[in-house]
């Protein structure tokens, strides 16, 4: 979650809002991190979760990174039985969703 929030803040303009929501649905929790950044091209929405992948930014702000954050997020979530994906509209922003299963410990 820290990586997703950090990315949302980094790619949003100063003064814009970043949203974090969570909903229980069936046997999992759905989290959403929404920004108001420049957006991600549709053909890059899956590629960004691969190692060393980044979307080129046309603005002049510095968006340095290694391109590993989203790949690490996906790996951790999958190890815990969750999944992650993104939806985006160019010029409007992106929403990153991830799920984690709800487990009940019975003793």
PDB file of N, CA and C in Angstrom:
ATOM      1  N   UNK A   1       0.826  -1.185   0.000  1.00  0.00           N
ATOM      2  CA  UNK A   1       0.000   0.000   0.000  1.00  0.00           C
ATOM      3  C   UNK A   1       0.876   1.257   0.000  1.00  0.00           C
ATOM      4  N   UNK A   2       1.982   1.192   0.718  1.00  0.00           N
ATOM      5  CA  UNK A   2       2.883   2.340   0.775  1.00  0.00           C
ATOM      6  C   UNK A   2       3.393   2.700  -0.620  1.00  0.00           C
ATOM      7  N   UNK A   3       3.773   1.706  -1.394  1.00  0.00           N
ATOM      8  CA  UNK A   3       4.268   1.958  -2.748  1.00  0.00           C
ATOM      9  C   UNK A   3       3.189   2.594  -3.613  1.00  0.00           C
ATOM     10  N   UNK A   4       1.975   2.093  -3.541  1.00  0.00           N
ATOM     11  CA  UNK A   4       0.890   2.633  -4.358  1.00  0.00           C
ATOM     12  C   UNK A   4       0.551   4.066  -3.969  1.00  0.00           C
ATOM     13  N   UNK A   5       0.509   4.343  -2.671  1.00  0.00           N
ATOM     14  CA  UNK A   5       0.238   5.706  -2.219  1.00  0.00           C
ATOM     15  C   UNK A   5       1.368   6.653  -2.615  1.00  0.00           C
ATOM     16  N   UNK A   6       2.601   6.196  -2.465  1.00  0.00           N
ATOM     17  CA  UNK A   6       3.752   7.008  -2.847  1.00  0.00           C
ATOM     18  C   UNK A   6       3.714   7.340  -4.335  1.00  0.00           C
ATOM     19  N   UNK A   7       3.414   6.347  -5.167  1.00  0.00           N
ATOM     20  CA  UNK A   7       3.301   6.586  -6.607  1.00  0.00           C
ATOM     21  C   UNK A   7       2.183   7.569  -6.914  1.00  0.00           C
ATOM     22  N   UNK A   8       1.038   7.396  -6.266  1.00  0.00           N
ATOM     23  CA  UNK A   8      -0.104   8.278  -6.525  1.00  0.00           C
ATOM     24  C   UNK A   8       0.237   9.722  -6.180  1.00  0.00           C
ATOM     25  N   UNK A   9       0.933   9.925  -5.077  1.00  0.00           N
ATOM     26  CA  UNK A   9       1.333  11.275  -4.681  1.00  0.00           C
ATOM     27  C   UNK A   9       2.355  11.829  -5.673  1.00  0.00           C
ATOM     28  N   UNK A  10       3.319  11.009  -6.025  1.00  0.00           N
ATOM     29  CA  UNK A  10       4.399  11.445  -6.923  1.00  0.00           C
ATOM     30  C   UNK A  10       3.875  11.841  -8.304  1.00  0.00           C
ATOM     31  N   UNK A  11       2.852  11.153  -8.793  1.00  0.00           N
ATOM     32  CA  UNK A  11       2.365  11.415 -10.152  1.00  0.00           C
ATOM     33  C   UNK A  11       1.163  12.350 -10.193  1.00  0.00           C
ATOM     34  N   UNK A  12       0.727  12.850  -9.043  1.00  0.00           N
ATOM     35  CA  UNK A  12      -0.349  13.837  -9.008  1.00  0.00           C
ATOM     36  C   UNK A  12       0.259  15.232  -8.870  1.00  0.00           C
ATOM     37  N   UNK A  13      -0.446  16.219  -9.345  1.00  0.00           N
ATOM     38  CA  UNK A  13       0.018  17.597  -9.215  1.00  0.00           C
ATOM     39  C   UNK A  13      -0.120  18.059  -7.774  1.00  0.00           C
ATOM     40  N   UNK A  14       0.710  19.005  -7.394  1.00  0.00           N
ATOM     41  CA  UNK A  14       0.661  19.569  -6.042  1.00  0.00           C
ATOM     42  C   UNK A  14      -0.735  20.114  -5.777  1.00  0.00           C
ATOM     43  N   UNK A  15      -1.285  19.782  -4.632  1.00  0.00           N
ATOM     44  CA  UNK A  15      -2.609  20.253  -4.246  1.00  0.00           C
ATOM     45  C   UNK A  15      -3.748  19.335  -4.658  1.00  0.00           C
ATOM     46  N   UNK A  16      -3.478  18.344  -5.505  1.00  0.00           N
ATOM     47  CA  UNK A  16      -4.531  17.403  -5.898  1.00  0.00           C
ATOM     48  C   UNK A  16      -4.723  16.348  -4.826  1.00  0.00           C
ATOM     49  N   UNK A  17      -5.857  15.698  -4.866  1.00  0.00           N
ATOM     50  CA  UNK A  17      -6.215  14.696  -3.871  1.00  0.00           C
ATOM     51  C   UNK A  17      -5.853  13.299  -4.354  1.00  0.00           C
ATOM     52  N   UNK A  18      -5.388  12.479  -3.426  1.00  0.00           N
ATOM     53  CA  UNK A  18      -5.181  11.050  -3.649  1.00  0.00           C
ATOM     54  C   UNK A  18      -6.182  10.341  -2.742  1.00  0.00           C
ATOM     55  N   UNK A  19      -6.907   9.375  -3.297  1.00  0.00           N
ATOM     56  CA  UNK A  19      -7.937   8.669  -2.539  1.00  0.00           C
ATOM     57  C   UNK A  19      -7.503   7.248  -2.240  1.00  0.00           C
ATOM     58  N   UNK A  20      -7.812   6.802  -1.036  1.00  0.00           N
ATOM     59  CA  UNK A  20      -7.619   5.410  -0.628  1.00  0.00           C
ATOM     60  C   UNK A  20      -8.947   4.918  -0.091  1.00  0.00           C
ATOM     61  N   UNK A  21      -9.447   3.844  -0.682  1.00  0.00           N
ATOM     62  CA  UNK A  21     -10.703   3.256  -0.207  1.00  0.00           C
ATOM     63  C   UNK A  21     -10.516   1.760  -0.019  1.00  0.00           C
ATOM     64  N   UNK A  22     -11.366   1.179   0.803  1.00  0.00           N
ATOM     65  CA  UNK A  22     -11.353  -0.264   1.029  1.00  0.00           C
ATOM     66  C   UNK A  22     -12.790  -0.730   1.219  1.00  0.00           C
ATOM     67  N   UNK A  23     -13.104  -1.853   0.577  1.00  0.00           N
ATOM     68  CA  UNK A  23     -14.441  -2.427   0.646  1.00  0.00           C
ATOM     69  C   UNK A  23     -14.333  -3.920   0.902  1.00  0.00           C
ATOM     70  N   UNK A  24     -15.194  -4.421   1.755  1.00  0.00           N
ATOM     71  CA  UNK A  24     -15.278  -5.871   1.932  1.00  0.00           C
ATOM     72  C   UNK A  24     -16.234  -6.398   0.875  1.00  0.00           C
ATOM     73  N   UNK A  25     -15.781  -7.419   0.163  1.00  0.00           N
ATOM     74  CA  UNK A  25     -16.647  -8.051  -0.829  1.00  0.00           C
ATOM     75  C   UNK A  25     -16.394  -9.552  -0.806  1.00  0.00           C
ATOM     76  N   UNK A  26     -17.428 -10.287  -0.588  1.00  0.00           N
ATOM     77  CA  UNK A  26     -17.334 -11.738  -0.481  1.00  0.00           C
ATOM     78  C   UNK A  26     -16.279 -12.116   0.558  1.00  0.00           C
ATOM     79  N   UNK A  27     -15.271 -12.848   0.169  1.00  0.00           N
ATOM     80  CA  UNK A  27     -14.270 -13.313   1.132  1.00  0.00           C
ATOM     81  C   UNK A  27     -12.948 -12.566   0.981  1.00  0.00           C
ATOM     82  N   UNK A  28     -13.031 -11.321   0.487  1.00  0.00           N
ATOM     83  CA  UNK A  28     -11.808 -10.538   0.331  1.00  0.00           C
ATOM     84  C   UNK A  28     -12.079  -9.059   0.582  1.00  0.00           C
ATOM     85  N   UNK A  29     -10.991  -8.316   0.715  1.00  0.00           N
ATOM     86  CA  UNK A  29     -11.077  -6.862   0.821  1.00  0.00           C
ATOM     87  C   UNK A  29     -10.488  -6.289  -0.461  1.00  0.00           C
ATOM     88  N   UNK A  30     -11.212  -5.352  -1.059  1.00  0.00           N
ATOM     89  CA  UNK A  30     -10.765  -4.663  -2.263  1.00  0.00           C
ATOM     90  C   UNK A  30     -10.296  -3.273  -1.864  1.00  0.00           C
ATOM     91  N   UNK A  31      -9.042  -2.985  -2.131  1.00  0.00           N
ATOM     92  CA  UNK A  31      -8.458  -1.673  -1.874  1.00  0.00           C
ATOM     93  C   UNK A  31      -8.338  -0.935  -3.203  1.00  0.00           C
ATOM     94  N   UNK A  32      -8.483   0.381  -3.166  1.00  0.00           N
ATOM     95  CA  UNK A  32      -8.293   1.200  -4.364  1.00  0.00           C
ATOM     96  C   UNK A  32      -7.497   2.445  -3.990  1.00  0.00           C
ATOM     97  N   UNK A  33      -6.481   2.731  -4.770  1.00  0.00           N
ATOM     98  CA  UNK A  33      -5.683   3.945  -4.624  1.00  0.00           C
ATOM     99  C   UNK A  33      -5.846   4.718  -5.924  1.00  0.00           C
ATOM    100  N   UNK A  34      -6.447   5.906  -5.824  1.00  0.00           N
ATOM    101  CA  UNK A  34      -6.784   6.693  -7.010  1.00  0.00           C
ATOM    102  C   UNK A  34      -6.011   8.006  -6.991  1.00  0.00           C
ATOM    103  N   UNK A  35      -5.441   8.349  -8.147  1.00  0.00           N
ATOM    104  CA  UNK A  35      -4.728   9.615  -8.259  1.00  0.00           C
ATOM    105  C   UNK A  35      -5.332  10.453  -9.372  1.00  0.00           C
ATOM    106  N   UNK A  36      -4.835  11.655  -9.498  1.00  0.00           N
ATOM    107  CA  UNK A  36      -5.284  12.545 -10.571  1.00  0.00           C
ATOM    108  C   UNK A  36      -4.082  12.935 -11.428  1.00  0.00           C
ATOM    109  N   UNK A  37      -3.247  11.949 -11.698  1.00  0.00           N
ATOM    110  CA  UNK A  37      -2.049  12.172 -12.503  1.00  0.00           C
ATOM    111  C   UNK A  37      -2.346  12.200 -13.981  1.00  0.00           C
ATOM    112  N   UNK A  38      -1.301  12.033 -14.770  1.00  0.00           N
ATOM    113  CA  UNK A  38      -1.432  12.145 -16.230  1.00  0.00           C
ATOM    114  C   UNK A  38      -2.077  10.921 -16.865  1.00  0.00           C
ATOM    115  N   UNK A  39      -2.149   9.817 -16.135  1.00  0.00           N
ATOM    116  CA  UNK A  39      -2.741   8.605 -16.673  1.00  0.00           C
ATOM    117  C   UNK A  39      -1.707   7.677 -17.282  1.00  0.00           C
ATOM    118  N   UNK A  40      -2.135   6.474 -17.579  1.00  0.00           N
ATOM    119  CA  UNK A  40      -1.274   5.431 -18.136  1.00  0.00           C
ATOM    120  C   UNK A  40      -1.924   4.946 -19.421  1.00  0.00           C
ATOM    121  N   UNK A  41      -1.172   4.879 -20.509  1.00  0.00           N
ATOM    122  CA  UNK A  41      -1.753   4.366 -21.758  1.00  0.00           C
ATOM    123  C   UNK A  41      -2.283   2.941 -21.570  1.00  0.00           C
ATOM    124  N   UNK A  42      -3.378   2.643 -22.213  1.00  0.00           N
ATOM    125  CA  UNK A  42      -4.030   1.346 -22.066  1.00  0.00           C
ATOM    126  C   UNK A  42      -3.088   0.179 -22.370  1.00  0.00           C
ATOM    127  N   UNK A  43      -2.223   0.338 -23.353  1.00  0.00           N
ATOM    128  CA  UNK A  43      -1.328  -0.753 -23.720  1.00  0.00           C
ATOM    129  C   UNK A  43      -0.195  -0.966 -22.703  1.00  0.00           C
ATOM    130  N   UNK A  44      -0.100  -0.111 -21.702  1.00  0.00           N
ATOM    131  CA  UNK A  44       0.933  -0.247 -20.667  1.00  0.00           C
ATOM    132  C   UNK A  44       0.372  -0.734 -19.328  1.00  0.00           C
ATOM    133  N   UNK A  45      -0.939  -0.894 -19.220  1.00  0.00           N
ATOM    134  CA  UNK A  45      -1.553  -1.212 -17.932  1.00  0.00           C
ATOM    135  C   UNK A  45      -1.116  -2.554 -17.356  1.00  0.00           C
ATOM    136  N   UNK A  46      -0.741  -3.499 -18.173  1.00  0.00           N
ATOM    137  CA  UNK A  46      -0.237  -4.780 -17.681  1.00  0.00           C
ATOM    138  C   UNK A  46       1.284  -4.770 -17.586  1.00  0.00           C
ATOM    139  N   UNK A  47       1.925  -4.113 -18.529  1.00  0.00           N
ATOM    140  CA  UNK A  47       3.388  -4.076 -18.603  1.00  0.00           C
ATOM    141  C   UNK A  47       3.999  -3.429 -17.360  1.00  0.00           C
ATOM    142  N   UNK A  48       3.324  -2.442 -16.773  1.00  0.00           N
ATOM    143  CA  UNK A  48       3.895  -1.728 -15.629  1.00  0.00           C
ATOM    144  C   UNK A  48       4.112  -2.616 -14.413  1.00  0.00           C
ATOM    145  N   UNK A  49       3.509  -3.794 -14.390  1.00  0.00           N
ATOM    146  CA  UNK A  49       3.685  -4.713 -13.265  1.00  0.00           C
ATOM    147  C   UNK A  49       4.865  -5.664 -13.478  1.00  0.00           C
ATOM    148  N   UNK A  50       5.575  -5.502 -14.591  1.00  0.00           N
ATOM    149  CA  UNK A  50       6.763  -6.301 -14.849  1.00  0.00           C
ATOM    150  C   UNK A  50       7.992  -5.564 -14.324  1.00  0.00           C
ATOM    151  N   UNK A  51       9.039  -6.319 -14.009  1.00  0.00           N
ATOM    152  CA  UNK A  51      10.254  -5.713 -13.464  1.00  0.00           C
ATOM    153  C   UNK A  51      10.878  -4.729 -14.448  1.00  0.00           C
ATOM    154  N   UNK A  52      11.377  -3.638 -13.892  1.00  0.00           N
ATOM    155  CA  UNK A  52      12.115  -2.591 -14.613  1.00  0.00           C
ATOM    156  C   UNK A  52      11.282  -1.882 -15.675  1.00  0.00           C
ATOM    157  N   UNK A  53       9.965  -1.864 -15.499  1.00  0.00           N
ATOM    158  CA  UNK A  53       9.091  -1.190 -16.464  1.00  0.00           C
ATOM    159  C   UNK A  53       8.556   0.108 -15.870  1.00  0.00           C
ATOM    160  N   UNK A  54       8.569   1.136 -16.671  1.00  0.00           N
ATOM    161  CA  UNK A  54       8.008   2.425 -16.289  1.00  0.00           C
ATOM    162  C   UNK A  54       7.317   3.025 -17.493  1.00  0.00           C
ATOM    163  N   UNK A  55       6.373   3.905 -17.239  1.00  0.00           N
ATOM    164  CA  UNK A  55       5.712   4.631 -18.309  1.00  0.00           C
ATOM    165  C   UNK A  55       6.445   5.955 -18.454  1.00  0.00           C
ATOM    166  N   UNK A  56       6.840   6.293 -19.655  1.00  0.00           N
ATOM    167  CA  UNK A  56       7.496   7.584 -19.876  1.00  0.00           C
ATOM    168  C   UNK A  56       6.523   8.703 -19.556  1.00  0.00           C
ATOM    169  N   UNK A  57       7.014   9.703 -18.842  1.00  0.00           N
ATOM    170  CA  UNK A  57       6.189  10.851 -18.483  1.00  0.00           C
ATOM    171  C   UNK A  57       6.548  12.031 -19.375  1.00  0.00           C
ATOM    172  N   UNK A  58       5.540  12.699 -19.897  1.00  0.00           N
ATOM    173  CA  UNK A  58       5.812  13.821 -20.780  1.00  0.00           C
ATOM    174  C   UNK A  58       6.005  15.126 -20.022  1.00  0.00           C
ATOM    175  N   UNK A  59       5.703  15.126 -18.720  1.00  0.00           N
ATOM    176  CA  UNK A  59       5.903  16.377 -17.994  1.00  0.00           C
ATOM    177  C   UNK A  59       7.346  16.495 -17.523  1.00  0.00           C
ATOM    178  N   UNK A  60       7.688  17.643 -17.018  1.00  0.00           N
ATOM    179  CA  UNK A  60       9.088  17.921 -16.702  1.00  0.00           C
ATOM    180  C   UNK A  60       9.457  17.535 -15.270  1.00  0.00           C
ATOM    181  N   UNK A  61       8.492  17.091 -14.471  1.00  0.00           N
ATOM    182  CA  UNK A  61       8.818  16.716 -13.093  1.00  0.00           C
ATOM    183  C   UNK A  61       9.635  15.445 -13.078  1.00  0.00           C
ATOM    184  N   UNK A  62      10.376  15.261 -12.021  1.00  0.00           N
ATOM    185  CA  UNK A  62      11.261  14.111 -11.893  1.00  0.00           C
ATOM    186  C   UNK A  62      10.489  12.941 -11.293  1.00  0.00           C
ATOM    187  N   UNK A  63      10.353  11.855 -12.054  1.00  0.00           N
ATOM    188  CA  UNK A  63       9.647  10.660 -11.583  1.00  0.00           C
ATOM    189  C   UNK A  63      10.598   9.481 -11.547  1.00  0.00           C
ATOM    190  N   UNK A  64      11.786   9.713 -11.009  1.00  0.00           N
ATOM    191  CA  UNK A  64      12.784   8.655 -10.991  1.00  0.00           C
ATOM    192  C   UNK A  64      12.316   7.466 -10.175  1.00  0.00           C
ATOM    193  N   UNK A  65      12.783   6.311 -10.546  1.00  0.00           N
ATOM    194  CA  UNK A  65      12.508   5.070  -9.836  1.00  0.00           C
ATOM    195  C   UNK A  65      13.174   3.938 -10.575  1.00  0.00           C
ATOM    196  N   UNK A  66      13.128   2.766  -9.979  1.00  0.00           N
ATOM    197  CA  UNK A  66      13.790   1.609 -10.580  1.00  0.00           C
ATOM    198  C   UNK A  66      12.871   0.801 -11.481  1.00  0.00           C
ATOM    199  N   UNK A  67      11.570   1.004 -11.358  1.00  0.00           N
ATOM    200  CA  UNK A  67      10.635   0.179 -12.112  1.00  0.00           C
ATOM    201  C   UNK A  67      10.407  -1.169 -11.459  1.00  0.00           C
ATOM    202  N   UNK A  68      10.714  -1.265 -10.171  1.00  0.00           N
ATOM    203  CA  UNK A  68      10.525  -2.531  -9.446  1.00  0.00           C
ATOM    204  C   UNK A  68       9.330  -2.517  -8.499  1.00  0.00           C
ATOM    205  N   UNK A  69       8.867  -1.349  -8.099  1.00  0.00           N
ATOM    206  CA  UNK A  69       7.838  -1.251  -7.067  1.00  0.00           C
ATOM    207  C   UNK A  69       6.570  -2.027  -7.355  1.00  0.00           C
ATOM    208  N   UNK A  70       6.011  -1.861  -8.539  1.00  0.00           N
ATOM    209  CA  UNK A  70       4.758  -2.549  -8.859  1.00  0.00           C
ATOM    210  C   UNK A  70       4.968  -4.047  -9.035  1.00  0.00           C
ATOM    211  N   UNK A  71       6.123  -4.446  -9.551  1.00  0.00           N
ATOM    212  CA  UNK A  71       6.429  -5.877  -9.669  1.00  0.00           C
ATOM    213  C   UNK A  71       6.522  -6.511  -8.288  1.00  0.00           C
ATOM    214  N   UNK A  72       7.137  -5.807  -7.349  1.00  0.00           N
ATOM    215  CA  UNK A  72       7.234  -6.312  -5.973  1.00  0.00           C
ATOM    216  C   UNK A  72       5.847  -6.369  -5.339  1.00  0.00           C
ATOM    217  N   UNK A  73       5.037  -5.339  -5.557  1.00  0.00           N
ATOM    218  CA  UNK A  73       3.657  -5.347  -5.036  1.00  0.00           C
ATOM    219  C   UNK A  73       2.900  -6.573  -5.534  1.00  0.00           C
ATOM    220  N   UNK A  74       2.975  -6.822  -6.838  1.00  0.00           N
ATOM    221  CA  UNK A  74       2.266  -7.969  -7.413  1.00  0.00           C
ATOM    222  C   UNK A  74       2.748  -9.270  -6.786  1.00  0.00           C
ATOM    223  N   UNK A  75       4.051  -9.426  -6.652  1.00  0.00           N
ATOM    224  CA  UNK A  75       4.618 -10.649  -6.089  1.00  0.00           C
ATOM    225  C   UNK A  75       4.138 -10.875  -4.659  1.00  0.00           C
ATOM    226  N   UNK A  76       4.185  -9.837  -3.832  1.00  0.00           N
ATOM    227  CA  UNK A  76       3.758  -9.960  -2.433  1.00  0.00           C
ATOM    228  C   UNK A  76       2.277 -10.288  -2.359  1.00  0.00           C
ATOM    229  N   UNK A  77       1.464  -9.576  -3.142  1.00  0.00           N
ATOM    230  CA  UNK A  77       0.020  -9.829  -3.107  1.00  0.00           C
ATOM    231  C   UNK A  77      -0.318 -11.239  -3.565  1.00  0.00           C
ATOM    232  N   UNK A  78       0.326 -11.713  -4.617  1.00  0.00           N
ATOM    233  CA  UNK A  78       0.054 -13.068  -5.089  1.00  0.00           C
ATOM    234  C   UNK A  78       0.466 -14.111  -4.047  1.00  0.00           C
ATOM    235  N   UNK A  79       1.565 -13.862  -3.328  1.00  0.00           N
ATOM    236  CA  UNK A  79       1.976 -14.801  -2.269  1.00  0.00           C
ATOM    237  C   UNK A  79       0.946 -14.881  -1.153  1.00  0.00           C
ATOM    238  N   UNK A  80       0.154 -13.821  -0.986  1.00  0.00           N
ATOM    239  CA  UNK A  80      -0.881 -13.797   0.053  1.00  0.00           C
ATOM    240  C   UNK A  80      -2.269 -14.111  -0.503  1.00  0.00           C
ATOM    241  N   UNK A  81      -2.330 -14.566  -1.748  1.00  0.00           N
ATOM    242  CA  UNK A  81      -3.612 -14.947  -2.341  1.00  0.00           C
ATOM    243  C   UNK A  81      -4.401 -13.786  -2.914  1.00  0.00           C
ATOM    244  N   UNK A  82      -3.756 -12.656  -3.125  1.00  0.00           N
ATOM    245  CA  UNK A  82      -4.437 -11.487  -3.680  1.00  0.00           C
ATOM    246  C   UNK A  82      -4.055 -11.245  -5.120  1.00  0.00           C
ATOM    247  N   UNK A  83      -4.560 -10.149  -5.648  1.00  0.00           N
ATOM    248  CA  UNK A  83      -4.218  -9.752  -7.010  1.00  0.00           C
ATOM    249  C   UNK A  83      -4.191  -8.234  -7.082  1.00  0.00           C
ATOM    250  N   UNK A  84      -3.573  -7.707  -8.140  1.00  0.00           N
ATOM    251  CA  UNK A  84      -3.452  -6.267  -8.330  1.00  0.00           C
ATOM    252  C   UNK A  84      -3.627  -5.949  -9.806  1.00  0.00           C
ATOM    253  N   UNK A  85      -4.247  -4.805 -10.086  1.00  0.00           N
ATOM    254  CA  UNK A  85      -4.424  -4.342 -11.460  1.00  0.00           C
ATOM    255  C   UNK A  85      -4.672  -2.835 -11.436  1.00  0.00           C
ATOM    256  N   UNK A  86      -4.638  -2.237 -12.606  1.00  0.00           N
ATOM    257  CA  UNK A  86      -4.839  -0.794 -12.715  1.00  0.00           C
ATOM    258  C   UNK A  86      -5.823  -0.472 -13.820  1.00  0.00           C
ATOM    259  N   UNK A  87      -6.515   0.648 -13.636  1.00  0.00           N
ATOM    260  CA  UNK A  87      -7.367   1.232 -14.657  1.00  0.00           C
ATOM    261  C   UNK A  87      -6.957   2.691 -14.770  1.00  0.00           C
ATOM    262  N   UNK A  88      -7.016   3.246 -15.962  1.00  0.00           N
ATOM    263  CA  UNK A  88      -6.532   4.609 -16.136  1.00  0.00           C
ATOM    264  C   UNK A  88      -7.210   5.288 -17.307  1.00  0.00           C
ATOM    265  N   UNK A  89      -7.322   6.597 -17.191  1.00  0.00           N
ATOM    266  CA  UNK A  89      -7.810   7.439 -18.281  1.00  0.00           C
ATOM    267  C   UNK A  89      -6.755   8.523 -18.479  1.00  0.00           C
ATOM    268  N   UNK A  90      -6.231   8.603 -19.683  1.00  0.00           N
ATOM    269  CA  UNK A  90      -5.197   9.597 -19.989  1.00  0.00           C
ATOM    270  C   UNK A  90      -5.722  11.005 -19.711  1.00  0.00           C
ATOM    271  N   UNK A  91      -4.911  11.780 -19.004  1.00  0.00           N
ATOM    272  CA  UNK A  91      -5.270  13.147 -18.665  1.00  0.00           C
ATOM    273  C   UNK A  91      -6.186  13.280 -17.471  1.00  0.00           C
ATOM    274  N   UNK A  92      -6.653  12.158 -16.919  1.00  0.00           N
ATOM    275  CA  UNK A  92      -7.581  12.183 -15.785  1.00  0.00           C
ATOM    276  C   UNK A  92      -6.951  11.556 -14.547  1.00  0.00           C
ATOM    277  N   UNK A  93      -6.301  10.416 -14.720  1.00  0.00           N
ATOM    278  CA  UNK A  93      -5.660   9.756 -13.589  1.00  0.00           C
ATOM    279  C   UNK A  93      -5.800   8.255 -13.653  1.00  0.00           C
ATOM    280  N   UNK A  94      -5.277   7.617 -12.622  1.00  0.00           N
ATOM    281  CA  UNK A  94      -5.239   6.155 -12.556  1.00  0.00           C
ATOM    282  C   UNK A  94      -5.786   5.674 -11.223  1.00  0.00           C
ATOM    283  N   UNK A  95      -6.319   4.462 -11.246  1.00  0.00           N
ATOM    284  CA  UNK A  95      -6.731   3.795 -10.020  1.00  0.00           C
ATOM    285  C   UNK A  95      -6.074   2.432  -9.997  1.00  0.00           C
ATOM    286  N   UNK A  96      -5.381   2.160  -8.908  1.00  0.00           N
ATOM    287  CA  UNK A  96      -4.756   0.861  -8.689  1.00  0.00           C
ATOM    288  C   UNK A  96      -5.603   0.116  -7.675  1.00  0.00           C
ATOM    289  N   UNK A  97      -5.996  -1.091  -8.034  1.00  0.00           N
ATOM    290  CA  UNK A  97      -6.814  -1.939  -7.181  1.00  0.00           C
ATOM    291  C   UNK A  97      -5.988  -3.132  -6.728  1.00  0.00           C
ATOM    292  N   UNK A  98      -6.221  -3.562  -5.498  1.00  0.00           N
ATOM    293  CA  UNK A  98      -5.662  -4.840  -5.072  1.00  0.00           C
ATOM    294  C   UNK A  98      -6.589  -5.494  -4.078  1.00  0.00           C
ATOM    295  N   UNK A  99      -6.548  -6.804  -4.078  1.00  0.00           N
ATOM    296  CA  UNK A  99      -7.385  -7.579  -3.169  1.00  0.00           C
ATOM    297  C   UNK A  99      -6.513  -8.427  -2.260  1.00  0.00           C
ATOM    298  N   UNK A 100      -7.045  -8.676  -1.091  1.00  0.00           N
ATOM    299  CA  UNK A 100      -6.452  -9.622  -0.151  1.00  0.00           C
ATOM    300  C   UNK A 100      -7.573 -10.458   0.432  1.00  0.00           C
ATOM    301  N   UNK A 101      -7.376 -11.758   0.555  1.00  0.00           N
ATOM    302  CA  UNK A 101      -8.425 -12.598   1.120  1.00  0.00           C
ATOM    303  C   UNK A 101      -8.609 -12.314   2.609  1.00  0.00           C
ATOM    304  N   UNK A 102      -9.829 -12.454   3.049  1.00  0.00           N
ATOM    305  CA  UNK A 102     -10.134 -12.345   4.481  1.00  0.00           C
ATOM    306  C   UNK A 102     -10.008 -13.750   5.064  1.00  0.00           C
ATOM    307  N   UNK A 103      -9.161 -13.888   6.038  1.00  0.00           N
ATOM    308  CA  UNK A 103      -9.011 -15.181   6.692  1.00  0.00           C
ATOM    309  C   UNK A 103      -9.476 -15.066   8.130  1.00  0.00           C
ATOM    310  N   UNK A 104     -10.145 -16.089   8.591  1.00  0.00           N
ATOM    311  CA  UNK A 104     -10.619 -16.134   9.967  1.00  0.00           C
ATOM    312  C   UNK A 104      -9.842 -17.213  10.682  1.00  0.00           C
ATOM    313  N   UNK A 105      -9.166 -16.816  11.735  1.00  0.00           N
ATOM    314  CA  UNK A 105      -8.428 -17.787  12.543  1.00  0.00           C
ATOM    315  C   UNK A 105      -9.362 -18.411  13.561  1.00  0.00           C
ATOM    316  N   UNK A 106      -9.515 -19.698  13.478  1.00  0.00           N
ATOM    317  CA  UNK A 106     -10.347 -20.394  14.475  1.00  0.00           C
ATOM    318  C   UNK A 106      -9.449 -21.261  15.334  1.00  0.00           C
ATOM    319  N   UNK A 107      -9.599 -21.111  16.624  1.00  0.00           N
ATOM    320  CA  UNK A 107      -8.766 -21.895  17.549  1.00  0.00           C
ATOM    321  C   UNK A 107      -9.605 -22.857  18.324  1.00  0.00           C
TER     322      UNK A 107
END
